N, C-alpha and C. Protein backbone atom coordinates (compact mmCIF):
# COMPACT_ATOMS: atom_id res chain seq x y z
N UNK A 1 4.76 -19.03 43.07
CA UNK A 1 5.33 -18.48 44.49
C UNK A 1 6.15 -19.22 44.94
N UNK A 2 7.19 -18.61 45.57
CA UNK A 2 8.29 -18.86 45.99
C UNK A 2 8.19 -19.35 47.44
N UNK A 3 9.05 -20.03 48.27
CA UNK A 3 8.42 -20.16 50.07
C UNK A 3 8.87 -19.21 50.39
N UNK A 4 9.54 -18.22 50.19
CA UNK A 4 9.65 -16.83 51.04
C UNK A 4 8.76 -16.17 50.82
N UNK A 5 7.97 -15.92 49.60
CA UNK A 5 6.74 -15.21 49.31
C UNK A 5 5.71 -15.89 50.11
N UNK A 6 5.70 -17.19 49.68
CA UNK A 6 4.36 -17.83 50.85
C UNK A 6 4.54 -17.54 52.18
N UNK A 7 5.83 -17.62 52.72
CA UNK A 7 6.01 -17.30 54.17
C UNK A 7 5.29 -15.74 54.30
N UNK A 8 5.69 -14.86 53.71
CA UNK A 8 5.35 -13.34 53.79
C UNK A 8 3.94 -13.27 53.76
N UNK A 9 3.34 -13.87 52.61
CA UNK A 9 1.80 -13.77 52.90
C UNK A 9 1.60 -14.53 54.11
N UNK A 10 1.58 -15.84 54.51
CA UNK A 10 1.21 -16.56 55.35
C UNK A 10 1.19 -15.84 56.75
N UNK A 11 2.58 -15.24 56.88
CA UNK A 11 3.18 -14.07 58.01
C UNK A 11 1.73 -12.81 57.66
N UNK A 12 1.20 -12.49 56.99
CA UNK A 12 0.10 -11.13 57.27
C UNK A 12 -1.20 -11.97 57.83
N UNK A 13 -1.24 -13.24 57.67
CA UNK A 13 -2.23 -13.93 58.39
C UNK A 13 -2.12 -14.32 59.39
N UNK A 14 -0.89 -14.06 60.17
CA UNK A 14 -0.64 -14.28 61.56
C UNK A 14 0.06 -15.89 61.49
N UNK A 15 0.87 -16.27 60.85
CA UNK A 15 1.35 -17.49 60.46
C UNK A 15 2.74 -17.57 60.52
N UNK A 16 3.69 -18.09 61.31
CA UNK A 16 5.22 -18.39 61.00
C UNK A 16 5.28 -19.49 59.94
N UNK A 17 5.71 -19.26 58.89
CA UNK A 17 5.86 -20.68 58.27
C UNK A 17 7.08 -20.98 57.99
N UNK A 18 7.54 -22.18 58.40
CA UNK A 18 8.86 -22.99 57.98
C UNK A 18 8.65 -24.60 57.35
N UNK A 19 9.61 -24.37 56.32
CA UNK A 19 9.69 -25.81 55.70
C UNK A 19 10.40 -27.03 56.56
N UNK A 20 9.62 -28.19 56.66
CA UNK A 20 10.51 -29.14 57.38
C UNK A 20 10.17 -30.31 56.60
N UNK A 21 11.61 -30.40 55.95
CA UNK A 21 11.83 -31.45 54.92
C UNK A 21 11.06 -31.52 53.95
N UNK A 22 10.22 -32.45 53.75
CA UNK A 22 9.21 -32.28 52.44
C UNK A 22 7.93 -31.67 52.89
N UNK A 23 7.62 -31.52 54.29
CA UNK A 23 6.29 -30.58 54.41
C UNK A 23 6.43 -29.31 54.95
N UNK A 24 6.00 -28.75 56.27
CA UNK A 24 6.18 -27.57 56.60
C UNK A 24 5.59 -27.39 58.22
N UNK A 25 5.49 -26.54 58.77
CA UNK A 25 4.90 -26.32 59.81
C UNK A 25 4.83 -24.77 59.92
N UNK A 26 3.42 -24.53 60.62
CA UNK A 26 2.46 -22.95 60.62
C UNK A 26 2.62 -23.26 62.02
N UNK A 27 3.31 -22.12 62.54
CA UNK A 27 3.18 -21.52 64.18
C UNK A 27 1.92 -20.48 64.06
N UNK A 28 0.96 -20.42 64.93
CA UNK A 28 -0.06 -19.41 64.70
C UNK A 28 -0.16 -18.88 65.78
N UNK A 29 0.75 -17.75 65.76
CA UNK A 29 0.78 -16.59 66.81
C UNK A 29 -0.57 -16.00 68.18
N UNK A 30 -1.43 -15.97 66.86
CA UNK A 30 -2.66 -15.84 68.42
C UNK A 30 -2.66 -16.40 69.16
N UNK A 31 -2.93 -18.06 68.58
CA UNK A 31 -3.25 -18.87 69.77
C UNK A 31 -1.80 -20.02 70.23
N UNK A 32 -1.13 -19.52 69.70
CA UNK A 32 0.18 -20.20 70.06
C UNK A 32 0.28 -21.82 69.93
N UNK A 33 -0.50 -21.95 68.40
CA UNK A 33 -0.65 -23.47 68.01
C UNK A 33 -0.02 -23.51 67.19
N UNK A 34 0.62 -25.04 66.93
CA UNK A 34 1.71 -25.21 65.94
C UNK A 34 0.96 -26.25 65.14
N UNK A 35 0.92 -26.10 63.55
CA UNK A 35 0.16 -26.98 62.74
C UNK A 35 0.94 -27.86 61.44
N UNK A 36 1.20 -29.17 61.37
CA UNK A 36 2.30 -29.98 60.58
C UNK A 36 1.19 -29.97 59.27
N UNK A 37 2.29 -29.25 58.39
CA UNK A 37 1.38 -29.34 57.21
C UNK A 37 1.83 -30.64 56.35
N UNK A 38 1.59 -31.17 56.19
CA UNK A 38 2.18 -32.49 55.31
C UNK A 38 2.16 -32.26 53.99
N UNK A 39 3.05 -33.11 53.23
CA UNK A 39 3.85 -33.01 51.88
C UNK A 39 2.59 -32.63 50.86
N UNK A 40 1.56 -33.56 51.13
CA UNK A 40 0.59 -33.54 49.95
C UNK A 40 -0.34 -32.30 50.50
N UNK A 41 -0.33 -31.98 51.58
CA UNK A 41 -0.79 -30.58 51.66
C UNK A 41 0.03 -29.32 51.50
N UNK A 42 0.92 -29.50 51.45
CA UNK A 42 1.97 -28.53 51.16
C UNK A 42 1.88 -28.10 49.79
N UNK A 43 1.62 -29.36 49.29
CA UNK A 43 1.70 -29.18 47.45
C UNK A 43 0.48 -28.43 47.27
N UNK A 44 -0.72 -28.64 47.77
CA UNK A 44 -1.98 -27.72 47.47
C UNK A 44 -1.91 -26.60 47.87
N UNK A 45 -1.24 -26.15 48.81
CA UNK A 45 -1.08 -24.60 49.43
C UNK A 45 0.42 -24.43 48.01
N UNK A 46 0.82 -24.49 47.96
CA UNK A 46 1.95 -23.96 46.92
C UNK A 46 1.04 -23.78 45.68
N UNK A 47 0.39 -24.86 45.31
CA UNK A 47 -0.08 -24.62 43.87
C UNK A 47 -1.09 -23.58 44.18
N UNK A 48 -1.88 -23.52 44.95
CA UNK A 48 -3.23 -22.44 44.64
C UNK A 48 -2.28 -21.62 44.59
N UNK A 49 -1.47 -20.82 45.85
CA UNK A 49 -1.11 -19.22 45.98
C UNK A 49 0.01 -19.55 44.91
N UNK A 50 0.41 -20.42 43.96
CA UNK A 50 1.40 -20.29 42.70
C UNK A 50 0.59 -19.66 41.67
N UNK A 51 -0.90 -19.94 41.41
CA UNK A 51 -1.73 -19.54 40.56
C UNK A 51 -2.56 -18.38 40.99
N UNK A 52 -2.76 -18.20 42.12
CA UNK A 52 -3.56 -17.05 42.71
C UNK A 52 -2.66 -15.95 43.16
N UNK A 53 -1.57 -16.21 43.34
CA UNK A 53 -0.77 -15.17 44.16
C UNK A 53 -1.19 -15.06 45.43
N UNK A 54 -0.06 -13.96 45.67
CA UNK A 54 -0.57 -13.73 47.45
C UNK A 54 -1.55 -12.65 47.84
N UNK A 55 -2.81 -13.92 47.81
CA UNK A 55 -4.10 -13.46 47.82
C UNK A 55 -4.99 -14.29 48.74
N UNK A 56 -5.91 -13.77 49.63
CA UNK A 56 -6.50 -14.80 49.98
C UNK A 56 -8.06 -15.44 49.24
N UNK A 57 -7.80 -16.58 48.97
CA UNK A 57 -8.94 -17.26 48.00
C UNK A 57 -10.06 -18.31 48.66
N UNK A 58 -10.83 -18.66 48.13
CA UNK A 58 -12.33 -19.10 48.37
C UNK A 58 -11.72 -20.66 48.31
N UNK A 59 -12.22 -21.61 48.98
CA UNK A 59 -12.37 -22.97 48.76
C UNK A 59 -12.43 -23.28 47.59
N UNK A 60 -13.73 -22.79 46.96
CA UNK A 60 -14.22 -22.98 45.49
C UNK A 60 -12.62 -22.78 44.61
N UNK A 61 -12.64 -21.61 44.57
CA UNK A 61 -11.42 -21.33 43.72
C UNK A 61 -10.32 -22.17 44.01
N UNK A 62 -9.95 -22.43 44.66
CA UNK A 62 -8.65 -23.30 45.03
C UNK A 62 -8.98 -24.73 44.14
N UNK A 63 -10.39 -25.40 44.80
CA UNK A 63 -10.37 -26.35 44.03
C UNK A 63 -10.37 -26.48 42.23
N UNK A 64 -11.09 -25.32 42.07
CA UNK A 64 -11.18 -24.80 40.37
C UNK A 64 -9.35 -25.00 40.35
N UNK A 65 -8.31 -24.72 40.80
CA UNK A 65 -7.04 -24.34 40.18
C UNK A 65 -6.67 -25.61 40.50
N UNK A 66 -6.56 -26.17 41.19
CA UNK A 66 -6.11 -27.48 41.57
C UNK A 66 -6.67 -28.65 40.52
N UNK A 67 -7.98 -28.58 40.23
CA UNK A 67 -8.26 -29.75 38.92
C UNK A 67 -7.52 -29.10 37.89
N UNK A 68 -7.71 -27.70 37.50
CA UNK A 68 -7.24 -27.32 36.25
C UNK A 68 -5.55 -27.25 36.22
N UNK A 69 -4.79 -27.25 37.20
CA UNK A 69 -3.50 -27.05 37.09
C UNK A 69 -2.86 -28.39 37.70
N UNK A 70 -3.20 -29.42 38.50
CA UNK A 70 -2.66 -30.41 38.78
C UNK A 70 -3.61 -31.52 38.30
N UNK A 71 -5.03 -30.97 37.51
CA UNK A 71 -5.82 -32.54 37.24
C UNK A 71 -6.08 -33.67 38.49
N UNK A 72 -6.21 -32.84 39.50
CA UNK A 72 -6.49 -33.44 40.65
C UNK A 72 -8.09 -33.42 40.88
N UNK A 73 -8.56 -34.27 41.46
CA UNK A 73 -9.88 -34.49 41.68
C UNK A 73 -9.65 -33.76 43.41
N UNK A 74 -10.53 -32.24 43.47
CA UNK A 74 -10.62 -32.03 44.69
C UNK A 74 -11.48 -32.75 46.01
N UNK A 75 -12.31 -33.36 45.37
CA UNK A 75 -12.90 -34.07 46.35
C UNK A 75 -12.19 -35.26 46.67
N UNK A 76 -11.13 -35.89 46.23
CA UNK A 76 -10.00 -36.82 46.86
C UNK A 76 -9.30 -36.47 47.95
N UNK A 77 -9.56 -37.52 49.13
CA UNK A 77 -9.87 -37.36 50.62
C UNK A 77 -8.75 -36.23 50.96
N UNK A 78 -7.48 -36.71 50.43
CA UNK A 78 -6.32 -35.92 51.20
C UNK A 78 -6.20 -34.13 50.71
N UNK A 79 -6.81 -34.02 49.34
CA UNK A 79 -6.94 -32.92 48.94
C UNK A 79 -8.23 -32.00 49.94
N UNK A 80 -9.44 -32.68 49.95
CA UNK A 80 -10.67 -32.06 50.06
C UNK A 80 -10.22 -31.92 51.99
N UNK A 81 -9.41 -32.58 52.49
CA UNK A 81 -9.52 -32.30 53.93
C UNK A 81 -7.68 -31.56 54.13
N UNK A 82 -6.88 -31.50 53.36
CA UNK A 82 -6.56 -30.15 53.05
C UNK A 82 -7.18 -28.88 52.99
N UNK A 83 -8.29 -29.07 52.24
CA UNK A 83 -8.91 -27.39 52.06
C UNK A 83 -9.26 -27.38 53.16
N UNK A 84 -10.34 -28.21 53.89
CA UNK A 84 -11.16 -28.12 54.76
C UNK A 84 -10.02 -27.46 56.16
N UNK A 85 -9.21 -28.03 56.00
CA UNK A 85 -8.04 -27.56 57.38
C UNK A 85 -7.74 -26.19 56.94
N UNK A 86 -7.25 -25.93 56.01
CA UNK A 86 -6.91 -24.55 55.70
C UNK A 86 -7.86 -23.16 55.82
N UNK A 87 -9.30 -24.02 55.45
CA UNK A 87 -10.54 -23.17 55.34
C UNK A 87 -10.37 -23.02 57.17
N UNK A 88 -10.15 -23.90 57.89
CA UNK A 88 -10.72 -23.72 59.59
C UNK A 88 -9.59 -22.46 59.96
N UNK A 89 -8.11 -22.82 59.29
CA UNK A 89 -7.18 -22.06 59.69
C UNK A 89 -7.28 -20.55 59.28
N UNK A 90 -8.16 -20.03 58.42
CA UNK A 90 -8.63 -19.01 57.81
C UNK A 90 -7.50 -18.69 56.63
N UNK A 91 -6.82 -19.49 56.35
CA UNK A 91 -5.75 -19.92 55.16
C UNK A 91 -6.47 -18.89 53.52
N UNK A 92 -7.79 -20.31 53.81
CA UNK A 92 -8.71 -19.92 52.68
C UNK A 92 -10.02 -19.42 53.28
N UNK A 93 -10.76 -18.50 52.48
CA UNK A 93 -11.96 -18.40 52.77
C UNK A 93 -13.08 -19.32 52.41
N UNK A 94 -13.93 -19.68 53.44
CA UNK A 94 -14.92 -20.62 52.92
C UNK A 94 -15.85 -20.52 52.12
């Protein structure tokens, strides 16, 4: 999934997505909050939606994608934190 496709998908969820260096920023229109997405979290997001396509997936499905595509342990702190944050933001379903 390209950055523009990811941006369009996140736009449907109420976010304005902007790449910033190696990371990104998500501006949440409803609340006015801006969320900084660090490079590792951006890699998680990009990998999940490159495989799943432009649809909201569960955290469990995201874990499965990450372990099979990146051979990353989804329990690794950085990955688990990113997934939990995306669930809180409503990008992934719980």
